[in-house]
């Protein structure tokens, strides 16, 4: 799977278990804590983006930020 497709799947994930499953399908080991952190950062709460998401999107570095989760 290409990284772009992986990123899209992770962005669509609705649970920690789903993130872990997607990662595992792609040969990526991720802890439940790291998966929760990723889910929290990807989830829009109350219709507003988090500060981390705003920084990543406004700087054009969202994909780099998301890739960094797995480094």
PDB file of N, CA and C in Angstrom:
ATOM      1  N   UNK A   1       0.852  -1.183   0.000  1.00  0.00           N
ATOM      2  CA  UNK A   1       0.000   0.000   0.000  1.00  0.00           C
ATOM      3  C   UNK A   1       0.889   1.235   0.000  1.00  0.00           C
ATOM      4  N   UNK A   2       0.511   2.202  -0.794  1.00  0.00           N
ATOM      5  CA  UNK A   2       1.269   3.439  -0.846  1.00  0.00           C
ATOM      6  C   UNK A   2       0.970   4.270   0.391  1.00  0.00           C
ATOM      7  N   UNK A   3       1.923   5.131   0.739  1.00  0.00           N
ATOM      8  CA  UNK A   3       1.770   5.968   1.927  1.00  0.00           C
ATOM      9  C   UNK A   3       0.539   6.856   1.845  1.00  0.00           C
ATOM     10  N   UNK A   4       0.232   7.367   0.662  1.00  0.00           N
ATOM     11  CA  UNK A   4      -0.937   8.247   0.511  1.00  0.00           C
ATOM     12  C   UNK A   4      -2.217   7.507   0.873  1.00  0.00           C
ATOM     13  N   UNK A   5      -2.331   6.274   0.420  1.00  0.00           N
ATOM     14  CA  UNK A   5      -3.515   5.468   0.721  1.00  0.00           C
ATOM     15  C   UNK A   5      -3.573   5.144   2.213  1.00  0.00           C
ATOM     16  N   UNK A   6      -2.427   4.827   2.796  1.00  0.00           N
ATOM     17  CA  UNK A   6      -2.353   4.559   4.229  1.00  0.00           C
ATOM     18  C   UNK A   6      -2.809   5.782   5.023  1.00  0.00           C
ATOM     19  N   UNK A   7      -2.350   6.934   4.634  1.00  0.00           N
ATOM     20  CA  UNK A   7      -2.734   8.170   5.323  1.00  0.00           C
ATOM     21  C   UNK A   7      -4.239   8.386   5.237  1.00  0.00           C
ATOM     22  N   UNK A   8      -4.818   8.155   4.056  1.00  0.00           N
ATOM     23  CA  UNK A   8      -6.270   8.322   3.900  1.00  0.00           C
ATOM     24  C   UNK A   8      -7.033   7.355   4.798  1.00  0.00           C
ATOM     25  N   UNK A   9      -6.570   6.116   4.878  1.00  0.00           N
ATOM     26  CA  UNK A   9      -7.241   5.130   5.733  1.00  0.00           C
ATOM     27  C   UNK A   9      -7.146   5.538   7.202  1.00  0.00           C
ATOM     28  N   UNK A  10      -5.981   5.999   7.611  1.00  0.00           N
ATOM     29  CA  UNK A  10      -5.816   6.414   9.004  1.00  0.00           C
ATOM     30  C   UNK A  10      -6.698   7.621   9.324  1.00  0.00           C
ATOM     31  N   UNK A  11      -6.806   8.536   8.389  1.00  0.00           N
ATOM     32  CA  UNK A  11      -7.654   9.707   8.601  1.00  0.00           C
ATOM     33  C   UNK A  11      -9.120   9.311   8.751  1.00  0.00           C
ATOM     34  N   UNK A  12      -9.525   8.225   8.123  1.00  0.00           N
ATOM     35  CA  UNK A  12     -10.912   7.769   8.182  1.00  0.00           C
ATOM     36  C   UNK A  12     -11.192   6.880   9.394  1.00  0.00           C
ATOM     37  N   UNK A  13     -10.151   6.466  10.103  1.00  0.00           N
ATOM     38  CA  UNK A  13     -10.319   5.569  11.247  1.00  0.00           C
ATOM     39  C   UNK A  13     -11.165   6.221  12.331  1.00  0.00           C
ATOM     40  N   UNK A  14     -12.001   5.407  12.961  1.00  0.00           N
ATOM     41  CA  UNK A  14     -12.906   5.900  13.999  1.00  0.00           C
ATOM     42  C   UNK A  14     -12.576   5.360  15.389  1.00  0.00           C
ATOM     43  N   UNK A  15     -11.584   4.460  15.483  1.00  0.00           N
ATOM     44  CA  UNK A  15     -11.258   3.877  16.787  1.00  0.00           C
ATOM     45  C   UNK A  15      -9.779   3.514  16.853  1.00  0.00           C
ATOM     46  N   UNK A  16      -9.310   3.324  18.068  1.00  0.00           N
ATOM     47  CA  UNK A  16      -7.931   2.894  18.301  1.00  0.00           C
ATOM     48  C   UNK A  16      -7.705   1.531  17.665  1.00  0.00           C
ATOM     49  N   UNK A  17      -8.672   0.623  17.844  1.00  0.00           N
ATOM     50  CA  UNK A  17      -8.531  -0.721  17.263  1.00  0.00           C
ATOM     51  C   UNK A  17      -8.421  -0.662  15.747  1.00  0.00           C
ATOM     52  N   UNK A  18      -9.160   0.238  15.121  1.00  0.00           N
ATOM     53  CA  UNK A  18      -9.093   0.378  13.668  1.00  0.00           C
ATOM     54  C   UNK A  18      -7.716   0.895  13.232  1.00  0.00           C
ATOM     55  N   UNK A  19      -7.172   1.850  13.964  1.00  0.00           N
ATOM     56  CA  UNK A  19      -5.840   2.362  13.654  1.00  0.00           C
ATOM     57  C   UNK A  19      -4.797   1.260  13.804  1.00  0.00           C
ATOM     58  N   UNK A  20      -4.889   0.488  14.873  1.00  0.00           N
ATOM     59  CA  UNK A  20      -3.946  -0.608  15.098  1.00  0.00           C
ATOM     60  C   UNK A  20      -4.052  -1.636  13.979  1.00  0.00           C
ATOM     61  N   UNK A  21      -5.269  -1.965  13.562  1.00  0.00           N
ATOM     62  CA  UNK A  21      -5.467  -2.943  12.485  1.00  0.00           C
ATOM     63  C   UNK A  21      -4.889  -2.436  11.163  1.00  0.00           C
ATOM     64  N   UNK A  22      -5.131  -1.176  10.837  1.00  0.00           N
ATOM     65  CA  UNK A  22      -4.604  -0.591   9.604  1.00  0.00           C
ATOM     66  C   UNK A  22      -3.076  -0.616   9.634  1.00  0.00           C
ATOM     67  N   UNK A  23      -2.514  -0.228  10.762  1.00  0.00           N
ATOM     68  CA  UNK A  23      -1.054  -0.235  10.893  1.00  0.00           C
ATOM     69  C   UNK A  23      -0.508  -1.653  10.725  1.00  0.00           C
ATOM     70  N   UNK A  24      -1.138  -2.598  11.403  1.00  0.00           N
ATOM     71  CA  UNK A  24      -0.674  -3.991  11.346  1.00  0.00           C
ATOM     72  C   UNK A  24      -0.740  -4.537   9.923  1.00  0.00           C
ATOM     73  N   UNK A  25      -1.829  -4.219   9.194  1.00  0.00           N
ATOM     74  CA  UNK A  25      -1.964  -4.654   7.799  1.00  0.00           C
ATOM     75  C   UNK A  25      -0.800  -4.155   6.934  1.00  0.00           C
ATOM     76  N   UNK A  26      -0.186  -3.078   7.378  1.00  0.00           N
ATOM     77  CA  UNK A  26       0.893  -2.458   6.614  1.00  0.00           C
ATOM     78  C   UNK A  26       2.260  -2.708   7.230  1.00  0.00           C
ATOM     79  N   UNK A  27       2.333  -3.679   8.126  1.00  0.00           N
ATOM     80  CA  UNK A  27       3.608  -4.052   8.723  1.00  0.00           C
ATOM     81  C   UNK A  27       4.151  -3.037   9.708  1.00  0.00           C
ATOM     82  N   UNK A  28       3.254  -2.238  10.284  1.00  0.00           N
ATOM     83  CA  UNK A  28       3.661  -1.202  11.235  1.00  0.00           C
ATOM     84  C   UNK A  28       3.177  -1.598  12.623  1.00  0.00           C
ATOM     85  N   UNK A  29       4.092  -1.649  13.551  1.00  0.00           N
ATOM     86  CA  UNK A  29       3.729  -1.913  14.946  1.00  0.00           C
ATOM     87  C   UNK A  29       3.447  -0.585  15.620  1.00  0.00           C
ATOM     88  N   UNK A  30       2.323  -0.487  16.302  1.00  0.00           N
ATOM     89  CA  UNK A  30       1.963   0.741  17.001  1.00  0.00           C
ATOM     90  C   UNK A  30       1.311   0.360  18.324  1.00  0.00           C
ATOM     91  N   UNK A  31       1.683   1.060  19.364  1.00  0.00           N
ATOM     92  CA  UNK A  31       1.087   0.788  20.672  1.00  0.00           C
ATOM     93  C   UNK A  31      -0.314   1.394  20.730  1.00  0.00           C
ATOM     94  N   UNK A  32      -1.115   0.909  21.651  1.00  0.00           N
ATOM     95  CA  UNK A  32      -2.461   1.470  21.800  1.00  0.00           C
ATOM     96  C   UNK A  32      -2.379   2.928  22.246  1.00  0.00           C
ATOM     97  N   UNK A  33      -1.346   3.277  23.011  1.00  0.00           N
ATOM     98  CA  UNK A  33      -1.175   4.660  23.445  1.00  0.00           C
ATOM     99  C   UNK A  33      -0.887   5.576  22.257  1.00  0.00           C
ATOM    100  N   UNK A  34      -0.005   5.127  21.371  1.00  0.00           N
ATOM    101  CA  UNK A  34       0.341   5.916  20.185  1.00  0.00           C
ATOM    102  C   UNK A  34      -0.862   5.992  19.237  1.00  0.00           C
ATOM    103  N   UNK A  35      -1.615   4.898  19.137  1.00  0.00           N
ATOM    104  CA  UNK A  35      -2.819   4.895  18.304  1.00  0.00           C
ATOM    105  C   UNK A  35      -3.858   5.872  18.861  1.00  0.00           C
ATOM    106  N   UNK A  36      -3.985   5.931  20.172  1.00  0.00           N
ATOM    107  CA  UNK A  36      -4.924   6.873  20.787  1.00  0.00           C
ATOM    108  C   UNK A  36      -4.481   8.312  20.529  1.00  0.00           C
ATOM    109  N   UNK A  37      -3.182   8.551  20.635  1.00  0.00           N
ATOM    110  CA  UNK A  37      -2.647   9.886  20.356  1.00  0.00           C
ATOM    111  C   UNK A  37      -2.971  10.296  18.912  1.00  0.00           C
ATOM    112  N   UNK A  38      -2.775   9.368  17.996  1.00  0.00           N
ATOM    113  CA  UNK A  38      -3.071   9.640  16.591  1.00  0.00           C
ATOM    114  C   UNK A  38      -4.558   9.900  16.396  1.00  0.00           C
ATOM    115  N   UNK A  39      -5.398   9.077  16.995  1.00  0.00           N
ATOM    116  CA  UNK A  39      -6.846   9.261  16.878  1.00  0.00           C
ATOM    117  C   UNK A  39      -7.269  10.611  17.438  1.00  0.00           C
ATOM    118  N   UNK A  40      -6.727  10.980  18.581  1.00  0.00           N
ATOM    119  CA  UNK A  40      -7.052  12.276  19.189  1.00  0.00           C
ATOM    120  C   UNK A  40      -6.666  13.428  18.272  1.00  0.00           C
ATOM    121  N   UNK A  41      -5.529  13.311  17.631  1.00  0.00           N
ATOM    122  CA  UNK A  41      -5.058  14.394  16.761  1.00  0.00           C
ATOM    123  C   UNK A  41      -5.850  14.451  15.455  1.00  0.00           C
ATOM    124  N   UNK A  42      -6.354  13.311  15.006  1.00  0.00           N
ATOM    125  CA  UNK A  42      -7.102  13.274  13.748  1.00  0.00           C
ATOM    126  C   UNK A  42      -8.583  13.582  13.918  1.00  0.00           C
ATOM    127  N   UNK A  43      -9.066  13.493  15.147  1.00  0.00           N
ATOM    128  CA  UNK A  43     -10.484  13.690  15.402  1.00  0.00           C
ATOM    129  C   UNK A  43     -10.791  15.164  15.584  1.00  0.00           C
ATOM    130  N   UNK A  44     -11.757  15.636  14.818  1.00  0.00           N
ATOM    131  CA  UNK A  44     -12.216  17.014  14.948  1.00  0.00           C
ATOM    132  C   UNK A  44     -13.260  17.029  16.057  1.00  0.00           C
ATOM    133  N   UNK A  45     -13.021  17.832  17.064  1.00  0.00           N
ATOM    134  CA  UNK A  45     -13.928  17.933  18.197  1.00  0.00           C
ATOM    135  C   UNK A  45     -14.667  19.262  18.147  1.00  0.00           C
ATOM    136  N   UNK A  46     -15.950  19.211  18.345  1.00  0.00           N
ATOM    137  CA  UNK A  46     -16.770  20.418  18.369  1.00  0.00           C
ATOM    138  C   UNK A  46     -16.612  21.254  17.100  1.00  0.00           C
ATOM    139  N   UNK A  47     -16.343  20.590  15.984  1.00  0.00           N
ATOM    140  CA  UNK A  47     -16.239  21.294  14.717  1.00  0.00           C
ATOM    141  C   UNK A  47     -14.976  22.108  14.529  1.00  0.00           C
ATOM    142  N   UNK A  48     -14.000  21.952  15.432  1.00  0.00           N
ATOM    143  CA  UNK A  48     -12.764  22.729  15.338  1.00  0.00           C
ATOM    144  C   UNK A  48     -11.557  21.808  15.300  1.00  0.00           C
ATOM    145  N   UNK A  49     -10.557  22.211  14.539  1.00  0.00           N
ATOM    146  CA  UNK A  49      -9.312  21.468  14.495  1.00  0.00           C
ATOM    147  C   UNK A  49      -8.467  21.787  15.725  1.00  0.00           C
ATOM    148  N   UNK A  50      -7.673  20.796  16.146  1.00  0.00           N
ATOM    149  CA  UNK A  50      -6.753  21.029  17.254  1.00  0.00           C
ATOM    150  C   UNK A  50      -5.646  21.971  16.801  1.00  0.00           C
ATOM    151  N   UNK A  51      -4.926  22.530  17.757  1.00  0.00           N
ATOM    152  CA  UNK A  51      -3.788  23.406  17.428  1.00  0.00           C
ATOM    153  C   UNK A  51      -2.754  22.666  16.597  1.00  0.00           C
ATOM    154  N   UNK A  52      -2.488  21.390  16.944  1.00  0.00           N
ATOM    155  CA  UNK A  52      -1.528  20.590  16.181  1.00  0.00           C
ATOM    156  C   UNK A  52      -1.979  20.437  14.733  1.00  0.00           C
ATOM    157  N   UNK A  53      -3.273  20.155  14.542  1.00  0.00           N
ATOM    158  CA  UNK A  53      -3.793  19.980  13.191  1.00  0.00           C
ATOM    159  C   UNK A  53      -3.738  21.290  12.420  1.00  0.00           C
ATOM    160  N   UNK A  54      -4.090  22.388  13.063  1.00  0.00           N
ATOM    161  CA  UNK A  54      -4.034  23.687  12.394  1.00  0.00           C
ATOM    162  C   UNK A  54      -2.618  24.012  11.945  1.00  0.00           C
ATOM    163  N   UNK A  55      -1.649  23.773  12.834  1.00  0.00           N
ATOM    164  CA  UNK A  55      -0.249  24.018  12.481  1.00  0.00           C
ATOM    165  C   UNK A  55       0.179  23.150  11.303  1.00  0.00           C
ATOM    166  N   UNK A  56      -0.194  21.872  11.344  1.00  0.00           N
ATOM    167  CA  UNK A  56       0.209  20.949  10.288  1.00  0.00           C
ATOM    168  C   UNK A  56      -0.433  21.312   8.954  1.00  0.00           C
ATOM    169  N   UNK A  57      -1.717  21.634   8.984  1.00  0.00           N
ATOM    170  CA  UNK A  57      -2.431  21.952   7.751  1.00  0.00           C
ATOM    171  C   UNK A  57      -1.996  23.301   7.201  1.00  0.00           C
ATOM    172  N   UNK A  58      -1.909  24.315   8.051  1.00  0.00           N
ATOM    173  CA  UNK A  58      -1.576  25.657   7.570  1.00  0.00           C
ATOM    174  C   UNK A  58      -0.154  25.722   7.025  1.00  0.00           C
ATOM    175  N   UNK A  59       0.728  24.918   7.573  1.00  0.00           N
ATOM    176  CA  UNK A  59       2.114  24.900   7.098  1.00  0.00           C
ATOM    177  C   UNK A  59       2.326  23.954   5.933  1.00  0.00           C
ATOM    178  N   UNK A  60       1.254  23.257   5.537  1.00  0.00           N
ATOM    179  CA  UNK A  60       1.367  22.317   4.433  1.00  0.00           C
ATOM    180  C   UNK A  60       2.098  21.046   4.807  1.00  0.00           C
ATOM    181  N   UNK A  61       2.324  20.823   6.087  1.00  0.00           N
ATOM    182  CA  UNK A  61       3.094  19.668   6.510  1.00  0.00           C
ATOM    183  C   UNK A  61       2.283  18.562   7.143  1.00  0.00           C
ATOM    184  N   UNK A  62       0.978  18.498   6.849  1.00  0.00           N
ATOM    185  CA  UNK A  62       0.136  17.498   7.491  1.00  0.00           C
ATOM    186  C   UNK A  62       0.622  16.082   7.223  1.00  0.00           C
ATOM    187  N   UNK A  63       0.930  15.767   5.974  1.00  0.00           N
ATOM    188  CA  UNK A  63       1.364  14.411   5.655  1.00  0.00           C
ATOM    189  C   UNK A  63       2.687  14.091   6.329  1.00  0.00           C
ATOM    190  N   UNK A  64       3.594  15.063   6.398  1.00  0.00           N
ATOM    191  CA  UNK A  64       4.858  14.848   7.094  1.00  0.00           C
ATOM    192  C   UNK A  64       4.612  14.624   8.584  1.00  0.00           C
ATOM    193  N   UNK A  65       3.682  15.391   9.155  1.00  0.00           N
ATOM    194  CA  UNK A  65       3.347  15.239  10.572  1.00  0.00           C
ATOM    195  C   UNK A  65       2.787  13.855  10.828  1.00  0.00           C
ATOM    196  N   UNK A  66       1.883  13.411   9.965  1.00  0.00           N
ATOM    197  CA  UNK A  66       1.269  12.102  10.142  1.00  0.00           C
ATOM    198  C   UNK A  66       2.289  10.988   9.977  1.00  0.00           C
ATOM    199  N   UNK A  67       3.175  11.110   9.010  1.00  0.00           N
ATOM    200  CA  UNK A  67       4.228  10.112   8.823  1.00  0.00           C
ATOM    201  C   UNK A  67       5.123  10.046  10.059  1.00  0.00           C
ATOM    202  N   UNK A  68       5.353  11.184  10.703  1.00  0.00           N
ATOM    203  CA  UNK A  68       6.198  11.235  11.896  1.00  0.00           C
ATOM    204  C   UNK A  68       5.659  10.426  13.052  1.00  0.00           C
ATOM    205  N   UNK A  69       4.365  10.193  13.071  1.00  0.00           N
ATOM    206  CA  UNK A  69       3.753   9.380  14.135  1.00  0.00           C
ATOM    207  C   UNK A  69       4.360   7.978  14.138  1.00  0.00           C
ATOM    208  N   UNK A  70       4.722   7.478  12.970  1.00  0.00           N
ATOM    209  CA  UNK A  70       5.218   6.108  12.861  1.00  0.00           C
ATOM    210  C   UNK A  70       6.737   6.009  12.888  1.00  0.00           C
ATOM    211  N   UNK A  71       7.418   7.114  12.974  1.00  0.00           N
ATOM    212  CA  UNK A  71       8.890   7.069  13.001  1.00  0.00           C
ATOM    213  C   UNK A  71       9.419   6.691  14.369  1.00  0.00           C
TER     214      UNK A  71
END
